[in-house]
């Protein structure tokens, strides 16, 4: 059985071909034989790291009214979109240079 690997960002729209490939996988059994069972210690460490990675700090930013209204028109979750955009900017230094 061939391994299927698809990597997407949250904001990517999957192509019809990708959606068809994913749909074709529905109901296929997953082969766990090559994955060792996690020990209780490993599970505890995974949980600790997961909780640690979810911690967020409050951050304040001053924006003009027009900018705030533009973001708010995106609706519920607009602050999450802002956060993801800032996270993505870390991997695109050219975006930062453009704004300096």
Foldseek 3Di string as FASTA:
>chain_A
DDDDDDDDDPPDDDDPVVVVVVVVCPPPDDDCPVPDDDDPVRVVVVVVVVVVVPDDDDDDDDDDPVVVVVLCVVDPPSVVVVVVVVVVVVVVVVVVVVVD
